PDB file of all heavy atoms in Angstrom:
ATOM      1  N   PHE A   1       7.048 -18.821  -7.970  1.00  0.00           N
ATOM      2  CA  PHE A   1       6.891 -20.087  -7.255  1.00  0.00           C
ATOM      3  C   PHE A   1       5.720 -20.095  -6.266  1.00  0.00           C
ATOM      4  O   PHE A   1       5.879 -20.443  -5.101  1.00  0.00           O
ATOM      5  CB  PHE A   1       8.189 -20.458  -6.544  1.00  0.00           C
ATOM      6  CG  PHE A   1       9.371 -20.496  -7.452  1.00  0.00           C
ATOM      7  CD1 PHE A   1      10.327 -19.503  -7.395  1.00  0.00           C
ATOM      8  CD2 PHE A   1       9.499 -21.495  -8.407  1.00  0.00           C
ATOM      9  CE1 PHE A   1      11.423 -19.520  -8.256  1.00  0.00           C
ATOM     10  CE2 PHE A   1      10.579 -21.516  -9.270  1.00  0.00           C
ATOM     11  CZ  PHE A   1      11.548 -20.538  -9.190  1.00  0.00           C
ATOM     12  N   GLY A   2       4.546 -19.678  -6.714  1.00  0.00           N
ATOM     13  CA  GLY A   2       3.363 -19.678  -5.862  1.00  0.00           C
ATOM     14  C   GLY A   2       3.222 -18.449  -4.982  1.00  0.00           C
ATOM     15  O   GLY A   2       2.219 -18.286  -4.294  1.00  0.00           O
ATOM     16  N   PHE A   3       4.212 -17.596  -4.975  1.00  0.00           N
ATOM     17  CA  PHE A   3       4.166 -16.359  -4.200  1.00  0.00           C
ATOM     18  C   PHE A   3       3.485 -15.291  -5.048  1.00  0.00           C
ATOM     19  O   PHE A   3       3.763 -15.166  -6.227  1.00  0.00           O
ATOM     20  CB  PHE A   3       5.586 -15.917  -3.822  1.00  0.00           C
ATOM     21  CG  PHE A   3       5.630 -14.791  -2.836  1.00  0.00           C
ATOM     22  CD1 PHE A   3       5.461 -15.031  -1.485  1.00  0.00           C
ATOM     23  CD2 PHE A   3       5.829 -13.485  -3.249  1.00  0.00           C
ATOM     24  CE1 PHE A   3       5.512 -13.993  -0.570  1.00  0.00           C
ATOM     25  CE2 PHE A   3       5.868 -12.441  -2.356  1.00  0.00           C
ATOM     26  CZ  PHE A   3       5.711 -12.701  -1.000  1.00  0.00           C
ATOM     27  N   LYS A   4       2.571 -14.534  -4.445  1.00  0.00           N
ATOM     28  CA  LYS A   4       1.897 -13.470  -5.185  1.00  0.00           C
ATOM     29  C   LYS A   4       1.777 -12.223  -4.327  1.00  0.00           C
ATOM     30  O   LYS A   4       1.894 -12.278  -3.106  1.00  0.00           O
ATOM     31  CB  LYS A   4       0.534 -13.926  -5.694  1.00  0.00           C
ATOM     32  CG  LYS A   4      -0.328 -14.614  -4.688  1.00  0.00           C
ATOM     33  CD  LYS A   4      -1.536 -15.242  -5.342  1.00  0.00           C
ATOM     34  CE  LYS A   4      -2.257 -16.089  -4.309  1.00  0.00           C
ATOM     35  NZ  LYS A   4      -3.461 -16.713  -4.807  1.00  0.00           N
ATOM     36  N   CYS A   5       1.573 -11.108  -5.010  1.00  0.00           N
ATOM     37  CA  CYS A   5       1.376  -9.839  -4.315  1.00  0.00           C
ATOM     38  C   CYS A   5       0.009  -9.295  -4.691  1.00  0.00           C
ATOM     39  O   CYS A   5      -0.647  -9.787  -5.607  1.00  0.00           O
ATOM     40  CB  CYS A   5       2.475  -8.839  -4.659  1.00  0.00           C
ATOM     41  SG  CYS A   5       2.415  -8.214  -6.345  1.00  0.00           S
ATOM     42  N   LEU A   6      -0.422  -8.289  -3.974  1.00  0.00           N
ATOM     43  CA  LEU A   6      -1.683  -7.613  -4.260  1.00  0.00           C
ATOM     44  C   LEU A   6      -1.403  -6.354  -5.053  1.00  0.00           C
ATOM     45  O   LEU A   6      -0.489  -5.594  -4.719  1.00  0.00           O
ATOM     46  CB  LEU A   6      -2.385  -7.232  -2.950  1.00  0.00           C
ATOM     47  CG  LEU A   6      -2.841  -8.380  -2.071  1.00  0.00           C
ATOM     48  CD1 LEU A   6      -3.219  -7.860  -0.692  1.00  0.00           C
ATOM     49  CD2 LEU A   6      -4.009  -9.094  -2.703  1.00  0.00           C
ATOM     50  N   LYS A   7      -2.166  -6.133  -6.110  1.00  0.00           N
ATOM     51  CA  LYS A   7      -2.114  -4.870  -6.852  1.00  0.00           C
ATOM     52  C   LYS A   7      -3.422  -4.163  -6.526  1.00  0.00           C
ATOM     53  O   LYS A   7      -4.489  -4.638  -6.912  1.00  0.00           O
ATOM     54  CB  LYS A   7      -1.992  -5.109  -8.355  1.00  0.00           C
ATOM     55  CG  LYS A   7      -0.614  -5.602  -8.756  1.00  0.00           C
ATOM     56  CD  LYS A   7      -0.507  -5.778 -10.240  1.00  0.00           C
ATOM     57  CE  LYS A   7      -0.283  -4.430 -10.885  1.00  0.00           C
ATOM     58  NZ  LYS A   7       0.103  -4.520 -12.308  1.00  0.00           N
ATOM     59  N   VAL A   8      -3.314  -3.073  -5.785  1.00  0.00           N
ATOM     60  CA  VAL A   8      -4.497  -2.403  -5.262  1.00  0.00           C
ATOM     61  C   VAL A   8      -4.611  -1.000  -5.847  1.00  0.00           C
ATOM     62  O   VAL A   8      -3.642  -0.247  -5.855  1.00  0.00           O
ATOM     63  CB  VAL A   8      -4.442  -2.309  -3.717  1.00  0.00           C
ATOM     64  CG1 VAL A   8      -5.751  -1.782  -3.173  1.00  0.00           C
ATOM     65  CG2 VAL A   8      -4.109  -3.656  -3.088  1.00  0.00           C
ATOM     66  N   VAL A   9      -5.802  -0.675  -6.331  1.00  0.00           N
ATOM     67  CA  VAL A   9      -6.094   0.680  -6.781  1.00  0.00           C
ATOM     68  C   VAL A   9      -6.853   1.365  -5.654  1.00  0.00           C
ATOM     69  O   VAL A   9      -7.933   0.929  -5.261  1.00  0.00           O
ATOM     70  CB  VAL A   9      -6.940   0.692  -8.070  1.00  0.00           C
ATOM     71  CG1 VAL A   9      -7.311   2.119  -8.440  1.00  0.00           C
ATOM     72  CG2 VAL A   9      -6.204   0.009  -9.202  1.00  0.00           C
ATOM     73  N   PHE A  10      -6.252   2.403  -5.111  1.00  0.00           N
ATOM     74  CA  PHE A  10      -6.871   3.204  -4.059  1.00  0.00           C
ATOM     75  C   PHE A  10      -7.415   4.478  -4.689  1.00  0.00           C
ATOM     76  O   PHE A  10      -6.761   5.062  -5.558  1.00  0.00           O
ATOM     77  CB  PHE A  10      -5.849   3.581  -2.980  1.00  0.00           C
ATOM     78  CG  PHE A  10      -5.316   2.406  -2.224  1.00  0.00           C
ATOM     79  CD1 PHE A  10      -4.146   1.787  -2.621  1.00  0.00           C
ATOM     80  CD2 PHE A  10      -5.981   1.920  -1.114  1.00  0.00           C
ATOM     81  CE1 PHE A  10      -3.646   0.699  -1.926  1.00  0.00           C
ATOM     82  CE2 PHE A  10      -5.488   0.824  -0.416  1.00  0.00           C
ATOM     83  CZ  PHE A  10      -4.318   0.221  -0.824  1.00  0.00           C
ATOM     84  N   VAL A  11      -8.584   4.923  -4.256  1.00  0.00           N
ATOM     85  CA  VAL A  11      -9.179   6.153  -4.754  1.00  0.00           C
ATOM     86  C   VAL A  11      -9.223   7.140  -3.591  1.00  0.00           C
ATOM     87  O   VAL A  11      -9.881   6.897  -2.580  1.00  0.00           O
ATOM     88  CB  VAL A  11     -10.594   5.915  -5.320  1.00  0.00           C
ATOM     89  CG1 VAL A  11     -11.192   7.216  -5.816  1.00  0.00           C
ATOM     90  CG2 VAL A  11     -10.550   4.883  -6.435  1.00  0.00           C
ATOM     91  N   LEU A  12      -8.481   8.243  -3.739  1.00  0.00           N
ATOM     92  CA  LEU A  12      -8.330   9.231  -2.675  1.00  0.00           C
ATOM     93  C   LEU A  12      -8.693  10.617  -3.173  1.00  0.00           C
ATOM     94  O   LEU A  12      -8.636  10.883  -4.372  1.00  0.00           O
ATOM     95  CB  LEU A  12      -6.872   9.274  -2.202  1.00  0.00           C
ATOM     96  CG  LEU A  12      -6.194   7.959  -1.854  1.00  0.00           C
ATOM     97  CD1 LEU A  12      -4.697   8.164  -1.756  1.00  0.00           C
ATOM     98  CD2 LEU A  12      -6.745   7.432  -0.553  1.00  0.00           C
ATOM     99  N   ASP A  13      -9.023  11.508  -2.234  1.00  0.00           N
ATOM    100  CA  ASP A  13      -9.156  12.919  -2.586  1.00  0.00           C
ATOM    101  C   ASP A  13      -7.775  13.439  -2.937  1.00  0.00           C
ATOM    102  O   ASP A  13      -6.775  13.001  -2.366  1.00  0.00           O
ATOM    103  CB  ASP A  13      -9.719  13.724  -1.409  1.00  0.00           C
ATOM    104  CG  ASP A  13     -11.179  13.401  -1.136  1.00  0.00           C
ATOM    105  OD1 ASP A  13     -11.894  13.065  -2.091  1.00  0.00           O
ATOM    106  OD2 ASP A  13     -11.591  13.488   0.030  1.00  0.00           O
ATOM    107  N   ASP A  14      -7.698  14.378  -3.865  1.00  0.00           N
ATOM    108  CA  ASP A  14      -6.382  14.866  -4.294  1.00  0.00           C
ATOM    109  C   ASP A  14      -5.631  15.601  -3.191  1.00  0.00           C
ATOM    110  O   ASP A  14      -4.433  15.788  -3.279  1.00  0.00           O
ATOM    111  CB  ASP A  14      -6.474  15.712  -5.557  1.00  0.00           C
ATOM    112  CG  ASP A  14      -7.304  16.971  -5.395  1.00  0.00           C
ATOM    113  OD1 ASP A  14      -7.872  17.191  -4.315  1.00  0.00           O
ATOM    114  OD2 ASP A  14      -7.394  17.730  -6.370  1.00  0.00           O
ATOM    115  N   LYS A  15      -6.309  16.001  -2.127  1.00  0.00           N
ATOM    116  CA  LYS A  15      -5.629  16.661  -1.006  1.00  0.00           C
ATOM    117  C   LYS A  15      -4.919  15.671  -0.094  1.00  0.00           C
ATOM    118  O   LYS A  15      -4.011  16.034   0.631  1.00  0.00           O
ATOM    119  CB  LYS A  15      -6.628  17.470  -0.172  1.00  0.00           C
ATOM    120  CG  LYS A  15      -7.096  18.727  -0.842  1.00  0.00           C
ATOM    121  CD  LYS A  15      -7.948  19.539   0.096  1.00  0.00           C
ATOM    122  CE  LYS A  15      -8.371  20.838  -0.563  1.00  0.00           C
ATOM    123  NZ  LYS A  15      -9.147  21.673   0.353  1.00  0.00           N
ATOM    124  N   GLU A  16      -5.379  14.407  -0.092  1.00  0.00           N
ATOM    125  CA  GLU A  16      -4.775  13.398   0.779  1.00  0.00           C
ATOM    126  C   GLU A  16      -3.392  13.040   0.268  1.00  0.00           C
ATOM    127  O   GLU A  16      -3.156  12.950  -0.929  1.00  0.00           O
ATOM    128  CB  GLU A  16      -5.647  12.139   0.826  1.00  0.00           C
ATOM    129  CG  GLU A  16      -6.982  12.373   1.488  1.00  0.00           C
ATOM    130  CD  GLU A  16      -7.839  11.125   1.514  1.00  0.00           C
ATOM    131  OE1 GLU A  16      -7.294  10.026   1.707  1.00  0.00           O
ATOM    132  OE2 GLU A  16      -9.050  11.271   1.350  1.00  0.00           O
ATOM    133  N   GLY A  17      -2.487  12.797   1.195  1.00  0.00           N
ATOM    134  CA  GLY A  17      -1.121  12.450   0.812  1.00  0.00           C
ATOM    135  C   GLY A  17      -0.946  10.967   0.582  1.00  0.00           C
ATOM    136  O   GLY A  17      -1.376  10.150   1.377  1.00  0.00           O
ATOM    137  N   GLY A  18      -0.321  10.611  -0.519  1.00  0.00           N
ATOM    138  CA  GLY A  18      -0.057   9.215  -0.823  1.00  0.00           C
ATOM    139  C   GLY A  18       0.982   8.603   0.093  1.00  0.00           C
ATOM    140  O   GLY A  18       0.935   7.413   0.383  1.00  0.00           O
ATOM    141  N   SER A  19       1.916   9.415   0.568  1.00  0.00           N
ATOM    142  CA  SER A  19       2.963   8.879   1.446  1.00  0.00           C
ATOM    143  C   SER A  19       2.384   8.423   2.776  1.00  0.00           C
ATOM    144  O   SER A  19       2.862   7.457   3.363  1.00  0.00           O
ATOM    145  CB  SER A  19       4.072   9.906   1.663  1.00  0.00           C
ATOM    146  OG  SER A  19       3.556  11.075   2.258  1.00  0.00           O
ATOM    147  N   GLU A  20       1.327   9.094   3.230  1.00  0.00           N
ATOM    148  CA  GLU A  20       0.663   8.684   4.472  1.00  0.00           C
ATOM    149  C   GLU A  20       0.023   7.303   4.284  1.00  0.00           C
ATOM    150  O   GLU A  20       0.114   6.447   5.167  1.00  0.00           O
ATOM    151  CB  GLU A  20      -0.398   9.713   4.864  1.00  0.00           C
ATOM    152  CG  GLU A  20      -1.083   9.419   6.170  1.00  0.00           C
ATOM    153  CD  GLU A  20      -2.104  10.485   6.531  1.00  0.00           C
ATOM    154  OE1 GLU A  20      -1.776  11.680   6.456  1.00  0.00           O
ATOM    155  OE2 GLU A  20      -3.226  10.094   6.889  1.00  0.00           O
ATOM    156  N   LEU A  21      -0.596   7.080   3.138  1.00  0.00           N
ATOM    157  CA  LEU A  21      -1.196   5.785   2.835  1.00  0.00           C
ATOM    158  C   LEU A  21      -0.125   4.705   2.783  1.00  0.00           C
ATOM    159  O   LEU A  21      -0.305   3.617   3.344  1.00  0.00           O
ATOM    160  CB  LEU A  21      -1.958   5.844   1.506  1.00  0.00           C
ATOM    161  CG  LEU A  21      -2.557   4.537   1.006  1.00  0.00           C
ATOM    162  CD1 LEU A  21      -3.570   3.970   2.004  1.00  0.00           C
ATOM    163  CD2 LEU A  21      -3.182   4.718  -0.359  1.00  0.00           C
ATOM    164  N   GLU A  22       0.988   4.989   2.148  1.00  0.00           N
ATOM    165  CA  GLU A  22       2.094   4.029   2.088  1.00  0.00           C
ATOM    166  C   GLU A  22       2.539   3.604   3.482  1.00  0.00           C
ATOM    167  O   GLU A  22       2.739   2.424   3.744  1.00  0.00           O
ATOM    168  CB  GLU A  22       3.299   4.631   1.370  1.00  0.00           C
ATOM    169  CG  GLU A  22       3.181   4.709  -0.120  1.00  0.00           C
ATOM    170  CD  GLU A  22       4.438   5.295  -0.715  1.00  0.00           C
ATOM    171  OE1 GLU A  22       5.454   4.569  -0.794  1.00  0.00           O
ATOM    172  OE2 GLU A  22       4.406   6.483  -1.082  1.00  0.00           O
ATOM    173  N   GLU A  23       2.720   4.571   4.361  1.00  0.00           N
ATOM    174  CA  GLU A  23       3.164   4.272   5.731  1.00  0.00           C
ATOM    175  C   GLU A  23       2.148   3.415   6.474  1.00  0.00           C
ATOM    176  O   GLU A  23       2.520   2.491   7.205  1.00  0.00           O
ATOM    177  CB  GLU A  23       3.458   5.561   6.501  1.00  0.00           C
ATOM    178  CG  GLU A  23       4.683   6.290   6.008  1.00  0.00           C
ATOM    179  CD  GLU A  23       5.929   5.425   5.996  1.00  0.00           C
ATOM    180  OE1 GLU A  23       6.191   4.712   6.991  1.00  0.00           O
ATOM    181  OE2 GLU A  23       6.642   5.438   4.975  1.00  0.00           O
ATOM    182  N   LYS A  24       0.863   3.710   6.288  1.00  0.00           N
ATOM    183  CA  LYS A  24      -0.181   2.911   6.940  1.00  0.00           C
ATOM    184  C   LYS A  24      -0.169   1.472   6.416  1.00  0.00           C
ATOM    185  O   LYS A  24      -0.340   0.527   7.192  1.00  0.00           O
ATOM    186  CB  LYS A  24      -1.555   3.536   6.722  1.00  0.00           C
ATOM    187  CG  LYS A  24      -1.778   4.792   7.530  1.00  0.00           C
ATOM    188  CD  LYS A  24      -3.158   5.350   7.268  1.00  0.00           C
ATOM    189  CE  LYS A  24      -3.406   6.614   8.072  1.00  0.00           C
ATOM    190  NZ  LYS A  24      -4.747   7.172   7.820  1.00  0.00           N
ATOM    191  N   LEU A  25       0.015   1.307   5.117  1.00  0.00           N
ATOM    192  CA  LEU A  25       0.046  -0.036   4.541  1.00  0.00           C
ATOM    193  C   LEU A  25       1.247  -0.829   5.053  1.00  0.00           C
ATOM    194  O   LEU A  25       1.141  -2.027   5.313  1.00  0.00           O
ATOM    195  CB  LEU A  25       0.074   0.044   3.014  1.00  0.00           C
ATOM    196  CG  LEU A  25      -1.192   0.569   2.345  1.00  0.00           C
ATOM    197  CD1 LEU A  25      -0.951   0.790   0.858  1.00  0.00           C
ATOM    198  CD2 LEU A  25      -2.362  -0.357   2.577  1.00  0.00           C
ATOM    199  N   LYS A  26       2.380  -0.178   5.204  1.00  0.00           N
ATOM    200  CA  LYS A  26       3.589  -0.848   5.702  1.00  0.00           C
ATOM    201  C   LYS A  26       3.417  -1.343   7.132  1.00  0.00           C
ATOM    202  O   LYS A  26       4.104  -2.268   7.557  1.00  0.00           O
ATOM    203  CB  LYS A  26       4.792   0.094   5.634  1.00  0.00           C
ATOM    204  CG  LYS A  26       5.275   0.356   4.230  1.00  0.00           C
ATOM    205  CD  LYS A  26       6.424   1.348   4.230  1.00  0.00           C
ATOM    206  CE  LYS A  26       6.846   1.688   2.815  1.00  0.00           C
ATOM    207  NZ  LYS A  26       7.910   2.712   2.795  1.00  0.00           N
ATOM    208  N   GLN A  27       2.508  -0.737   7.877  1.00  0.00           N
ATOM    209  CA  GLN A  27       2.298  -1.105   9.280  1.00  0.00           C
ATOM    210  C   GLN A  27       1.332  -2.275   9.450  1.00  0.00           C
ATOM    211  O   GLN A  27       1.169  -2.785  10.556  1.00  0.00           O
ATOM    212  CB  GLN A  27       1.809   0.101  10.067  1.00  0.00           C
ATOM    213  CG  GLN A  27       2.851   1.184  10.174  1.00  0.00           C
ATOM    214  CD  GLN A  27       2.342   2.451  10.834  1.00  0.00           C
ATOM    215  OE1 GLN A  27       1.211   2.505  11.303  1.00  0.00           O
ATOM    216  NE2 GLN A  27       3.169   3.468  10.863  1.00  0.00           N
ATOM    217  N   ILE A  28       0.691  -2.724   8.368  1.00  0.00           N
ATOM    218  CA  ILE A  28      -0.203  -3.880   8.455  1.00  0.00           C
ATOM    219  C   ILE A  28       0.629  -5.116   8.746  1.00  0.00           C
ATOM    220  O   ILE A  28       1.663  -5.348   8.109  1.00  0.00           O
ATOM    221  CB  ILE A  28      -0.997  -4.070   7.144  1.00  0.00           C
ATOM    222  CG1 ILE A  28      -1.917  -2.876   6.899  1.00  0.00           C
ATOM    223  CG2 ILE A  28      -1.801  -5.369   7.192  1.00  0.00           C
ATOM    224  CD1 ILE A  28      -2.613  -2.895   5.554  1.00  0.00           C
ATOM    225  N   GLU A  29       0.168  -5.915   9.689  1.00  0.00           N
ATOM    226  CA  GLU A  29       0.899  -7.124  10.071  1.00  0.00           C
ATOM    227  C   GLU A  29       1.050  -8.054   8.865  1.00  0.00           C
ATOM    228  O   GLU A  29       0.084  -8.334   8.159  1.00  0.00           O
ATOM    229  CB  GLU A  29       0.167  -7.868  11.183  1.00  0.00           C
ATOM    230  CG  GLU A  29       0.893  -9.096  11.653  1.00  0.00           C
ATOM    231  CD  GLU A  29       0.184  -9.815  12.784  1.00  0.00           C
ATOM    232  OE1 GLU A  29      -0.757  -9.253  13.358  1.00  0.00           O
ATOM    233  OE2 GLU A  29       0.593 -10.941  13.073  1.00  0.00           O
ATOM    234  N   GLY A  30       2.266  -8.484   8.610  1.00  0.00           N
ATOM    235  CA  GLY A  30       2.545  -9.409   7.520  1.00  0.00           C
ATOM    236  C   GLY A  30       2.970  -8.756   6.221  1.00  0.00           C
ATOM    237  O   GLY A  30       3.361  -9.448   5.287  1.00  0.00           O
ATOM    238  N   VAL A  31       2.917  -7.424   6.130  1.00  0.00           N
ATOM    239  CA  VAL A  31       3.341  -6.729   4.911  1.00  0.00           C
ATOM    240  C   VAL A  31       4.860  -6.550   4.952  1.00  0.00           C
ATOM    241  O   VAL A  31       5.406  -6.047   5.925  1.00  0.00           O
ATOM    242  CB  VAL A  31       2.642  -5.359   4.765  1.00  0.00           C
ATOM    243  CG1 VAL A  31       3.252  -4.551   3.625  1.00  0.00           C
ATOM    244  CG2 VAL A  31       1.153  -5.545   4.542  1.00  0.00           C
ATOM    245  N   SER A  32       5.530  -6.978   3.873  1.00  0.00           N
ATOM    246  CA  SER A  32       6.987  -6.825   3.841  1.00  0.00           C
ATOM    247  C   SER A  32       7.417  -5.615   3.022  1.00  0.00           C
ATOM    248  O   SER A  32       8.440  -5.004   3.320  1.00  0.00           O
ATOM    249  CB  SER A  32       7.653  -8.085   3.281  1.00  0.00           C
ATOM    250  OG  SER A  32       7.367  -8.233   1.910  1.00  0.00           O
ATOM    251  N   GLU A  33       6.633  -5.282   1.964  1.00  0.00           N
ATOM    252  CA  GLU A  33       7.041  -4.175   1.095  1.00  0.00           C
ATOM    253  C   GLU A  33       5.817  -3.577   0.413  1.00  0.00           C
ATOM    254  O   GLU A  33       4.836  -4.261   0.140  1.00  0.00           O
ATOM    255  CB  GLU A  33       8.012  -4.693   0.034  1.00  0.00           C
ATOM    256  CG  GLU A  33       8.608  -3.625  -0.831  1.00  0.00           C
ATOM    257  CD  GLU A  33       9.606  -4.188  -1.843  1.00  0.00           C
ATOM    258  OE1 GLU A  33      10.071  -5.316  -1.693  1.00  0.00           O
ATOM    259  OE2 GLU A  33       9.891  -3.457  -2.805  1.00  0.00           O
ATOM    260  N   VAL A  34       5.912  -2.274   0.130  1.00  0.00           N
ATOM    261  CA  VAL A  34       4.865  -1.529  -0.567  1.00  0.00           C
ATOM    262  C   VAL A  34       5.531  -0.723  -1.676  1.00  0.00           C
ATOM    263  O   VAL A  34       6.510  -0.035  -1.424  1.00  0.00           O
ATOM    264  CB  VAL A  34       4.116  -0.579   0.409  1.00  0.00           C
ATOM    265  CG1 VAL A  34       3.132   0.277  -0.326  1.00  0.00           C
ATOM    266  CG2 VAL A  34       3.438  -1.379   1.509  1.00  0.00           C
ATOM    267  N   GLN A  35       5.008  -0.843  -2.914  1.00  0.00           N
ATOM    268  CA  GLN A  35       5.573  -0.098  -4.048  1.00  0.00           C
ATOM    269  C   GLN A  35       4.474   0.646  -4.770  1.00  0.00           C
ATOM    270  O   GLN A  35       3.488   0.046  -5.200  1.00  0.00           O
ATOM    271  CB  GLN A  35       6.229  -1.051  -5.043  1.00  0.00           C
ATOM    272  CG  GLN A  35       7.433  -1.761  -4.559  1.00  0.00           C
ATOM    273  CD  GLN A  35       7.973  -2.722  -5.608  1.00  0.00           C
ATOM    274  OE1 GLN A  35       7.337  -3.004  -6.621  1.00  0.00           O
ATOM    275  NE2 GLN A  35       9.172  -3.226  -5.364  1.00  0.00           N
ATOM    276  N   VAL A  36       4.658   1.952  -4.947  1.00  0.00           N
ATOM    277  CA  VAL A  36       3.707   2.740  -5.732  1.00  0.00           C
ATOM    278  C   VAL A  36       4.050   2.535  -7.202  1.00  0.00           C
ATOM    279  O   VAL A  36       5.176   2.791  -7.631  1.00  0.00           O
ATOM    280  CB  VAL A  36       3.778   4.241  -5.364  1.00  0.00           C
ATOM    281  CG1 VAL A  36       2.859   5.038  -6.269  1.00  0.00           C
ATOM    282  CG2 VAL A  36       3.409   4.452  -3.901  1.00  0.00           C
TER     283      VAL A  36
END
């Protein structure tokens, strides 16, 4: 019904943790949910 989400491809070094990125994304104002 007109609602859409963003599908984002992030490119990271393999040493960086994906869970850290998830937590940062969840803290953006207006974000309700993040799914890998």
